[in-house]
Amino acid sequence: MAGSVDTLVHGGQVVTPSGVLETGIAIDRGRIVALGAPEWLPSARGEIDARGKVVLPGGIDCHVHLGPEYDDWRGGPRAAAYAGLTTLLVFGTYDDLGGEPLPVAIRRLQAEIGRESVLDVGLHMILANQPAILDGLAEAVQLGVTSFKLFMTYK
């Protein structure tokens, strides 16, 4: 592999979906770009010696409450990062929308998150008994909302 990357991680036991490998990891611009023996990986501006350590993928918490009544957009993700998480899906309710149409609220929340969070953060929305929320559903998906919570036990 030609060129240079930001970081090489070497010497650790790397956990992958297919098992634990003794391999190196090349990381560039925050993304893993290659796994392999160190001699096959590109040069790097920085290195991490992981000898004697297990290298795990970052954790994902798919249902997090952040906002004014809970941990805020800055503190909550920082605490999660210390725990080894890399991605949060923030749970949003109709009440969190502040009366705004769903797409408007999503854009506002994404802007707030983008200014404060140190992690990747997505939105997980509840589909409550509010007909207005359905009007913005297709656009919510286009804006990156990947999951919705439905209560099937209530009228």
N, C-alpha and C. Protein backbone atom coordinates (compact mmCIF):
# COMPACT_ATOMS: atom_id res chain seq x y z
N MET A 1 0.85 -1.17 0.00
CA MET A 1 0.00 0.00 0.00
C MET A 1 0.90 1.23 0.00
N ALA A 2 0.74 2.06 -0.96
CA ALA A 2 1.59 3.25 -1.10
C ALA A 2 1.02 4.40 -0.29
N GLY A 3 1.84 5.41 -0.10
CA GLY A 3 1.37 6.62 0.57
C GLY A 3 1.60 6.57 2.06
N SER A 4 0.97 7.51 2.73
CA SER A 4 1.12 7.64 4.17
C SER A 4 -0.25 7.82 4.79
N VAL A 5 -0.39 7.33 6.01
CA VAL A 5 -1.65 7.47 6.74
C VAL A 5 -1.38 8.22 8.05
N ASP A 6 -2.44 8.54 8.76
CA ASP A 6 -2.29 9.27 10.02
C ASP A 6 -1.66 8.40 11.11
N THR A 7 -2.19 7.18 11.28
CA THR A 7 -1.79 6.36 12.42
C THR A 7 -1.70 4.89 12.06
N LEU A 8 -0.72 4.20 12.63
CA LEU A 8 -0.63 2.75 12.57
C LEU A 8 -0.74 2.21 13.99
N VAL A 9 -1.55 1.19 14.16
CA VAL A 9 -1.64 0.47 15.43
C VAL A 9 -1.00 -0.89 15.17
N HIS A 10 -0.03 -1.27 15.99
CA HIS A 10 0.66 -2.54 15.73
C HIS A 10 0.91 -3.30 17.02
N GLY A 11 1.04 -4.62 16.90
CA GLY A 11 1.41 -5.47 18.02
C GLY A 11 0.26 -5.97 18.86
N GLY A 12 -0.96 -5.53 18.61
CA GLY A 12 -2.08 -5.95 19.45
C GLY A 12 -2.87 -7.10 18.84
N GLN A 13 -3.77 -7.62 19.64
CA GLN A 13 -4.71 -8.64 19.18
C GLN A 13 -5.97 -7.89 18.75
N VAL A 14 -6.26 -7.91 17.46
CA VAL A 14 -7.35 -7.12 16.89
C VAL A 14 -8.61 -7.98 16.78
N VAL A 15 -9.69 -7.53 17.41
CA VAL A 15 -10.95 -8.25 17.37
C VAL A 15 -11.71 -7.82 16.12
N THR A 16 -12.06 -8.80 15.27
CA THR A 16 -12.82 -8.55 14.04
C THR A 16 -14.06 -9.43 14.05
N PRO A 17 -15.00 -9.22 13.14
CA PRO A 17 -16.17 -10.09 13.08
C PRO A 17 -15.81 -11.57 12.85
N SER A 18 -14.67 -11.83 12.22
CA SER A 18 -14.31 -13.22 11.93
C SER A 18 -13.37 -13.82 12.97
N GLY A 19 -13.01 -13.08 14.00
CA GLY A 19 -12.15 -13.63 15.04
C GLY A 19 -11.10 -12.64 15.50
N VAL A 20 -10.17 -13.13 16.30
CA VAL A 20 -9.09 -12.30 16.83
C VAL A 20 -7.85 -12.51 15.97
N LEU A 21 -7.28 -11.42 15.47
CA LEU A 21 -6.13 -11.49 14.58
C LEU A 21 -4.95 -10.73 15.19
N GLU A 22 -3.77 -11.24 14.97
CA GLU A 22 -2.57 -10.48 15.29
C GLU A 22 -2.19 -9.76 14.01
N THR A 23 -2.58 -8.50 13.91
CA THR A 23 -2.41 -7.74 12.68
C THR A 23 -2.24 -6.27 13.00
N GLY A 24 -1.80 -5.52 12.02
CA GLY A 24 -1.69 -4.08 12.16
C GLY A 24 -2.92 -3.39 11.60
N ILE A 25 -3.13 -2.16 12.02
CA ILE A 25 -4.26 -1.37 11.55
C ILE A 25 -3.73 -0.03 11.04
N ALA A 26 -4.12 0.33 9.81
CA ALA A 26 -3.79 1.64 9.26
C ALA A 26 -5.04 2.52 9.35
N ILE A 27 -4.87 3.71 9.92
CA ILE A 27 -5.99 4.63 10.12
C ILE A 27 -5.65 5.95 9.44
N ASP A 28 -6.60 6.45 8.63
CA ASP A 28 -6.40 7.73 7.97
C ASP A 28 -7.68 8.54 8.05
N ARG A 29 -7.57 9.78 8.47
CA ARG A 29 -8.72 10.68 8.62
C ARG A 29 -9.84 10.05 9.44
N GLY A 30 -9.45 9.36 10.52
CA GLY A 30 -10.44 8.80 11.43
C GLY A 30 -11.08 7.51 10.99
N ARG A 31 -10.60 6.92 9.90
CA ARG A 31 -11.19 5.67 9.39
C ARG A 31 -10.11 4.61 9.22
N ILE A 32 -10.50 3.37 9.52
CA ILE A 32 -9.60 2.24 9.26
C ILE A 32 -9.55 2.05 7.75
N VAL A 33 -8.34 2.08 7.19
CA VAL A 33 -8.19 1.93 5.74
C VAL A 33 -7.52 0.61 5.36
N ALA A 34 -6.89 -0.07 6.32
CA ALA A 34 -6.26 -1.35 6.00
C ALA A 34 -5.94 -2.12 7.27
N LEU A 35 -5.99 -3.44 7.14
CA LEU A 35 -5.50 -4.36 8.16
C LEU A 35 -4.42 -5.19 7.50
N GLY A 36 -3.36 -5.52 8.21
CA GLY A 36 -2.33 -6.36 7.61
C GLY A 36 -1.05 -6.37 8.42
N ALA A 37 -0.13 -7.18 7.94
CA ALA A 37 1.19 -7.24 8.56
C ALA A 37 1.86 -5.88 8.43
N PRO A 38 2.58 -5.44 9.45
CA PRO A 38 3.18 -4.10 9.41
C PRO A 38 4.00 -3.82 8.15
N GLU A 39 4.69 -4.82 7.64
CA GLU A 39 5.52 -4.57 6.44
C GLU A 39 4.68 -4.30 5.20
N TRP A 40 3.40 -4.63 5.22
CA TRP A 40 2.52 -4.38 4.08
C TRP A 40 1.71 -3.10 4.23
N LEU A 41 1.78 -2.47 5.38
CA LEU A 41 1.00 -1.26 5.62
C LEU A 41 1.81 -0.02 5.25
N PRO A 42 1.13 1.09 4.96
CA PRO A 42 1.84 2.32 4.58
C PRO A 42 2.57 2.92 5.77
N SER A 43 3.42 3.87 5.48
CA SER A 43 4.06 4.62 6.56
C SER A 43 3.00 5.49 7.23
N ALA A 44 3.32 5.94 8.45
CA ALA A 44 2.33 6.73 9.19
C ALA A 44 3.02 7.89 9.91
N ARG A 45 2.22 8.93 10.16
CA ARG A 45 2.72 10.08 10.90
C ARG A 45 2.78 9.79 12.41
N GLY A 46 2.01 8.81 12.85
CA GLY A 46 2.01 8.43 14.27
C GLY A 46 1.80 6.94 14.41
N GLU A 47 2.27 6.37 15.51
CA GLU A 47 2.11 4.94 15.75
C GLU A 47 1.63 4.70 17.17
N ILE A 48 0.87 3.62 17.32
CA ILE A 48 0.42 3.18 18.64
C ILE A 48 0.92 1.76 18.82
N ASP A 49 1.69 1.54 19.87
CA ASP A 49 2.19 0.21 20.19
C ASP A 49 1.15 -0.47 21.08
N ALA A 50 0.48 -1.47 20.54
CA ALA A 50 -0.59 -2.16 21.27
C ALA A 50 -0.15 -3.52 21.80
N ARG A 51 1.16 -3.75 21.87
CA ARG A 51 1.65 -5.04 22.39
C ARG A 51 1.04 -5.33 23.75
N GLY A 52 0.56 -6.58 23.89
CA GLY A 52 -0.04 -7.00 25.15
C GLY A 52 -1.45 -6.49 25.37
N LYS A 53 -2.03 -5.88 24.35
CA LYS A 53 -3.38 -5.32 24.49
C LYS A 53 -4.32 -5.93 23.46
N VAL A 54 -5.60 -5.86 23.76
CA VAL A 54 -6.65 -6.27 22.83
C VAL A 54 -7.22 -5.01 22.22
N VAL A 55 -7.33 -4.98 20.90
CA VAL A 55 -7.85 -3.81 20.18
C VAL A 55 -9.28 -4.14 19.75
N LEU A 56 -10.23 -3.42 20.31
CA LEU A 56 -11.65 -3.66 20.04
C LEU A 56 -12.22 -2.56 19.16
N PRO A 57 -13.25 -2.90 18.36
CA PRO A 57 -13.97 -1.84 17.65
C PRO A 57 -14.66 -0.95 18.69
N GLY A 58 -14.93 0.28 18.32
CA GLY A 58 -15.63 1.18 19.23
C GLY A 58 -17.05 0.70 19.47
N GLY A 59 -17.54 0.93 20.66
CA GLY A 59 -18.90 0.52 20.99
C GLY A 59 -19.92 1.53 20.49
N ILE A 60 -21.14 1.03 20.31
CA ILE A 60 -22.26 1.86 19.86
C ILE A 60 -23.38 1.72 20.88
N ASP A 61 -23.86 2.84 21.40
CA ASP A 61 -25.02 2.83 22.29
C ASP A 61 -26.20 3.35 21.47
N CYS A 62 -27.17 2.46 21.26
CA CYS A 62 -28.28 2.76 20.34
C CYS A 62 -29.47 3.46 20.99
N HIS A 63 -29.37 3.79 22.26
CA HIS A 63 -30.52 4.45 22.90
C HIS A 63 -30.00 5.30 24.07
N VAL A 64 -29.66 6.54 23.77
CA VAL A 64 -29.08 7.46 24.75
C VAL A 64 -30.01 8.65 24.92
N HIS A 65 -30.16 9.11 26.15
CA HIS A 65 -30.93 10.33 26.41
C HIS A 65 -29.95 11.46 26.67
N LEU A 66 -29.92 12.43 25.78
CA LEU A 66 -29.10 13.63 25.94
C LEU A 66 -29.99 14.84 25.74
N GLY A 67 -29.66 15.91 26.37
CA GLY A 67 -30.44 17.12 26.20
C GLY A 67 -30.49 17.88 27.51
N PRO A 68 -31.30 18.92 27.58
CA PRO A 68 -31.30 19.79 28.75
C PRO A 68 -31.59 19.08 30.08
N GLU A 69 -32.47 18.07 30.08
CA GLU A 69 -32.82 17.40 31.34
C GLU A 69 -31.84 16.29 31.70
N TYR A 70 -31.00 15.89 30.76
CA TYR A 70 -30.08 14.78 30.96
C TYR A 70 -28.65 15.31 30.78
N ASP A 71 -27.74 14.42 30.45
CA ASP A 71 -26.40 14.88 30.07
C ASP A 71 -26.53 15.75 28.83
N ASP A 72 -25.72 16.78 28.72
CA ASP A 72 -25.82 17.66 27.56
C ASP A 72 -25.02 17.10 26.38
N TRP A 73 -25.05 17.82 25.25
CA TRP A 73 -24.40 17.37 24.02
C TRP A 73 -22.89 17.28 24.17
N ARG A 74 -22.33 17.97 25.12
CA ARG A 74 -20.88 17.95 25.31
C ARG A 74 -20.49 16.89 26.35
N GLY A 75 -21.06 16.95 27.54
CA GLY A 75 -20.66 16.05 28.62
C GLY A 75 -21.03 14.60 28.40
N GLY A 76 -22.22 14.35 27.88
CA GLY A 76 -22.66 12.97 27.66
C GLY A 76 -21.75 12.22 26.70
N PRO A 77 -21.49 12.76 25.51
CA PRO A 77 -20.57 12.07 24.60
C PRO A 77 -19.15 11.94 25.14
N ARG A 78 -18.67 12.92 25.90
CA ARG A 78 -17.33 12.81 26.48
C ARG A 78 -17.27 11.63 27.46
N ALA A 79 -18.29 11.50 28.30
CA ALA A 79 -18.33 10.38 29.24
C ALA A 79 -18.40 9.06 28.48
N ALA A 80 -19.19 9.02 27.42
CA ALA A 80 -19.30 7.80 26.61
C ALA A 80 -17.97 7.45 25.95
N ALA A 81 -17.23 8.46 25.50
CA ALA A 81 -15.92 8.21 24.88
C ALA A 81 -14.96 7.60 25.89
N TYR A 82 -14.99 8.08 27.13
CA TYR A 82 -14.13 7.49 28.17
C TYR A 82 -14.49 6.03 28.41
N ALA A 83 -15.74 5.66 28.17
CA ALA A 83 -16.18 4.28 28.36
C ALA A 83 -15.89 3.40 27.14
N GLY A 84 -15.32 3.98 26.09
CA GLY A 84 -14.98 3.19 24.91
C GLY A 84 -15.99 3.24 23.78
N LEU A 85 -16.99 4.07 23.92
CA LEU A 85 -17.98 4.19 22.85
C LEU A 85 -17.47 5.15 21.78
N THR A 86 -17.89 4.91 20.55
CA THR A 86 -17.53 5.81 19.45
C THR A 86 -18.76 6.43 18.80
N THR A 87 -19.92 5.83 19.03
CA THR A 87 -21.14 6.26 18.36
C THR A 87 -22.31 6.20 19.33
N LEU A 88 -23.14 7.22 19.30
CA LEU A 88 -24.36 7.26 20.10
C LEU A 88 -25.55 7.50 19.19
N LEU A 89 -26.66 6.84 19.49
CA LEU A 89 -27.93 7.17 18.85
C LEU A 89 -28.79 7.80 19.94
N VAL A 90 -29.06 9.08 19.78
CA VAL A 90 -29.79 9.84 20.78
C VAL A 90 -31.28 9.64 20.56
N PHE A 91 -31.97 9.30 21.63
CA PHE A 91 -33.40 9.06 21.60
C PHE A 91 -34.11 10.40 21.66
N GLY A 92 -34.95 10.67 20.68
CA GLY A 92 -35.71 11.91 20.65
C GLY A 92 -37.20 11.63 20.69
N THR A 93 -37.93 12.39 21.48
CA THR A 93 -39.37 12.24 21.56
C THR A 93 -40.06 13.42 20.88
N TYR A 94 -41.35 13.29 20.70
CA TYR A 94 -42.10 14.38 20.09
C TYR A 94 -41.98 15.65 20.93
N ASP A 95 -41.95 15.48 22.25
CA ASP A 95 -41.82 16.65 23.14
C ASP A 95 -40.49 17.36 22.93
N ASP A 96 -39.43 16.61 22.58
CA ASP A 96 -38.12 17.21 22.34
C ASP A 96 -38.12 18.13 21.12
N LEU A 97 -39.11 17.98 20.26
CA LEU A 97 -39.15 18.75 19.02
C LEU A 97 -39.56 20.20 19.25
N GLY A 98 -40.10 20.48 20.42
CA GLY A 98 -40.47 21.86 20.74
C GLY A 98 -41.53 22.43 19.83
N GLY A 99 -42.41 21.59 19.31
CA GLY A 99 -43.48 22.05 18.44
C GLY A 99 -43.06 22.25 17.00
N GLU A 100 -41.79 22.03 16.70
CA GLU A 100 -41.30 22.20 15.32
C GLU A 100 -41.68 20.99 14.48
N PRO A 101 -41.81 21.17 13.17
CA PRO A 101 -41.98 20.01 12.29
C PRO A 101 -40.74 19.10 12.42
N LEU A 102 -40.93 17.82 12.25
CA LEU A 102 -39.85 16.85 12.44
C LEU A 102 -38.57 17.20 11.68
N PRO A 103 -38.60 17.49 10.37
CA PRO A 103 -37.34 17.80 9.67
C PRO A 103 -36.63 19.03 10.22
N VAL A 104 -37.38 20.04 10.62
CA VAL A 104 -36.78 21.26 11.18
C VAL A 104 -36.08 20.94 12.50
N ALA A 105 -36.75 20.15 13.34
CA ALA A 105 -36.16 19.78 14.63
C ALA A 105 -34.92 18.91 14.44
N ILE A 106 -34.96 18.00 13.48
CA ILE A 106 -33.80 17.15 13.23
C ILE A 106 -32.60 17.99 12.81
N ARG A 107 -32.82 18.92 11.90
CA ARG A 107 -31.71 19.79 11.47
C ARG A 107 -31.14 20.60 12.65
N ARG A 108 -32.03 21.10 13.51
CA ARG A 108 -31.59 21.87 14.68
C ARG A 108 -30.77 20.98 15.62
N LEU A 109 -31.28 19.78 15.90
CA LEU A 109 -30.56 18.87 16.79
C LEU A 109 -29.22 18.47 16.20
N GLN A 110 -29.18 18.19 14.90
CA GLN A 110 -27.92 17.83 14.25
C GLN A 110 -26.90 18.97 14.35
N ALA A 111 -27.36 20.20 14.21
CA ALA A 111 -26.45 21.35 14.32
C ALA A 111 -25.92 21.48 15.74
N GLU A 112 -26.80 21.32 16.74
CA GLU A 112 -26.37 21.40 18.14
C GLU A 112 -25.37 20.30 18.45
N ILE A 113 -25.66 19.10 18.01
CA ILE A 113 -24.77 17.95 18.26
C ILE A 113 -23.43 18.19 17.58
N GLY A 114 -23.45 18.66 16.35
CA GLY A 114 -22.23 18.89 15.59
C GLY A 114 -21.30 19.90 16.23
N ARG A 115 -21.87 20.89 16.92
CA ARG A 115 -21.05 21.91 17.59
C ARG A 115 -20.40 21.38 18.86
N GLU A 116 -21.02 20.44 19.52
CA GLU A 116 -20.60 20.06 20.87
C GLU A 116 -19.99 18.66 21.01
N SER A 117 -20.45 17.69 20.25
CA SER A 117 -20.10 16.30 20.52
C SER A 117 -18.71 15.92 20.03
N VAL A 118 -18.03 15.07 20.80
CA VAL A 118 -16.73 14.54 20.40
C VAL A 118 -16.88 13.17 19.73
N LEU A 119 -18.09 12.65 19.65
CA LEU A 119 -18.37 11.35 19.04
C LEU A 119 -19.27 11.50 17.83
N ASP A 120 -19.42 10.41 17.10
CA ASP A 120 -20.44 10.35 16.05
C ASP A 120 -21.77 10.16 16.76
N VAL A 121 -22.75 10.98 16.40
CA VAL A 121 -24.05 10.92 17.05
C VAL A 121 -25.13 10.92 15.98
N GLY A 122 -26.04 9.97 16.09
CA GLY A 122 -27.20 9.91 15.21
C GLY A 122 -28.46 10.06 16.04
N LEU A 123 -29.59 10.11 15.38
CA LEU A 123 -30.86 10.27 16.08
C LEU A 123 -31.73 9.03 15.91
N HIS A 124 -32.40 8.67 16.98
CA HIS A 124 -33.34 7.55 17.06
C HIS A 124 -34.63 8.18 17.58
N MET A 125 -35.67 8.22 16.79
CA MET A 125 -36.87 8.97 17.14
C MET A 125 -38.02 8.05 17.54
N ILE A 126 -38.87 8.57 18.42
CA ILE A 126 -40.08 7.86 18.81
C ILE A 126 -41.22 8.34 17.91
N LEU A 127 -42.03 7.41 17.47
CA LEU A 127 -43.23 7.75 16.71
C LEU A 127 -44.39 7.68 17.70
N ALA A 128 -44.70 8.80 18.30
CA ALA A 128 -45.75 8.87 19.31
C ALA A 128 -47.10 9.08 18.62
N ASN A 129 -48.11 9.16 19.42
CA ASN A 129 -49.46 9.36 18.92
C ASN A 129 -49.65 10.83 18.52
N GLN A 130 -48.83 11.27 17.57
CA GLN A 130 -48.89 12.64 17.09
C GLN A 130 -48.91 12.60 15.56
N PRO A 131 -50.05 12.75 14.94
CA PRO A 131 -50.14 12.65 13.49
C PRO A 131 -49.17 13.57 12.75
N ALA A 132 -48.86 14.74 13.32
CA ALA A 132 -47.97 15.69 12.64
C ALA A 132 -46.58 15.11 12.41
N ILE A 133 -46.16 14.22 13.27
CA ILE A 133 -44.81 13.65 13.13
C ILE A 133 -44.69 12.81 11.85
N LEU A 134 -45.80 12.22 11.44
CA LEU A 134 -45.77 11.38 10.24
C LEU A 134 -45.51 12.18 8.98
N ASP A 135 -45.88 13.46 8.99
CA ASP A 135 -45.67 14.30 7.81
C ASP A 135 -44.21 14.44 7.44
N GLY A 136 -43.32 14.35 8.41
CA GLY A 136 -41.90 14.53 8.13
C GLY A 136 -41.08 13.26 8.13
N LEU A 137 -41.75 12.11 8.12
CA LEU A 137 -41.05 10.83 8.26
C LEU A 137 -40.09 10.55 7.12
N ALA A 138 -40.52 10.70 5.89
CA ALA A 138 -39.65 10.42 4.74
C ALA A 138 -38.43 11.34 4.76
N GLU A 139 -38.64 12.60 5.07
CA GLU A 139 -37.51 13.54 5.12
C GLU A 139 -36.58 13.22 6.29
N ALA A 140 -37.15 12.71 7.40
CA ALA A 140 -36.32 12.32 8.55
C ALA A 140 -35.32 11.24 8.13
N VAL A 141 -35.78 10.28 7.36
CA VAL A 141 -34.90 9.22 6.87
C VAL A 141 -33.82 9.81 5.96
N GLN A 142 -34.20 10.73 5.08
CA GLN A 142 -33.22 11.38 4.20
C GLN A 142 -32.19 12.17 5.00
N LEU A 143 -32.57 12.66 6.16
CA LEU A 143 -31.66 13.43 7.02
C LEU A 143 -30.79 12.53 7.89
N GLY A 144 -30.99 11.22 7.79
CA GLY A 144 -30.10 10.30 8.49
C GLY A 144 -30.67 9.59 9.70
N VAL A 145 -31.94 9.80 10.02
CA VAL A 145 -32.54 9.05 11.13
C VAL A 145 -32.68 7.61 10.67
N THR A 146 -32.04 6.69 11.40
CA THR A 146 -31.97 5.30 10.94
C THR A 146 -32.91 4.37 11.68
N SER A 147 -33.51 4.84 12.77
CA SER A 147 -34.41 3.96 13.51
C SER A 147 -35.49 4.78 14.21
N PHE A 148 -36.61 4.11 14.41
CA PHE A 148 -37.75 4.73 15.06
C PHE A 148 -38.29 3.75 16.10
N LYS A 149 -38.76 4.29 17.22
CA LYS A 149 -39.35 3.47 18.26
C LYS A 149 -40.86 3.60 18.17
N LEU A 150 -41.54 2.46 18.22
CA LEU A 150 -43.00 2.42 18.18
C LEU A 150 -43.51 1.72 19.42
N PHE A 151 -44.56 2.23 20.01
CA PHE A 151 -45.22 1.54 21.11
C PHE A 151 -46.44 0.83 20.53
N MET A 152 -46.45 -0.48 20.58
CA MET A 152 -47.54 -1.26 20.00
C MET A 152 -48.60 -1.63 21.04
N THR A 153 -48.34 -1.36 22.31
CA THR A 153 -49.25 -1.81 23.36
C THR A 153 -50.27 -0.76 23.77
N TYR A 154 -50.14 0.45 23.25
CA TYR A 154 -51.04 1.52 23.64
C TYR A 154 -51.93 1.90 22.47
N LYS A 155 -53.10 2.47 22.81
CA LYS A 155 -53.98 2.97 21.76
C LYS A 155 -53.52 4.32 21.32
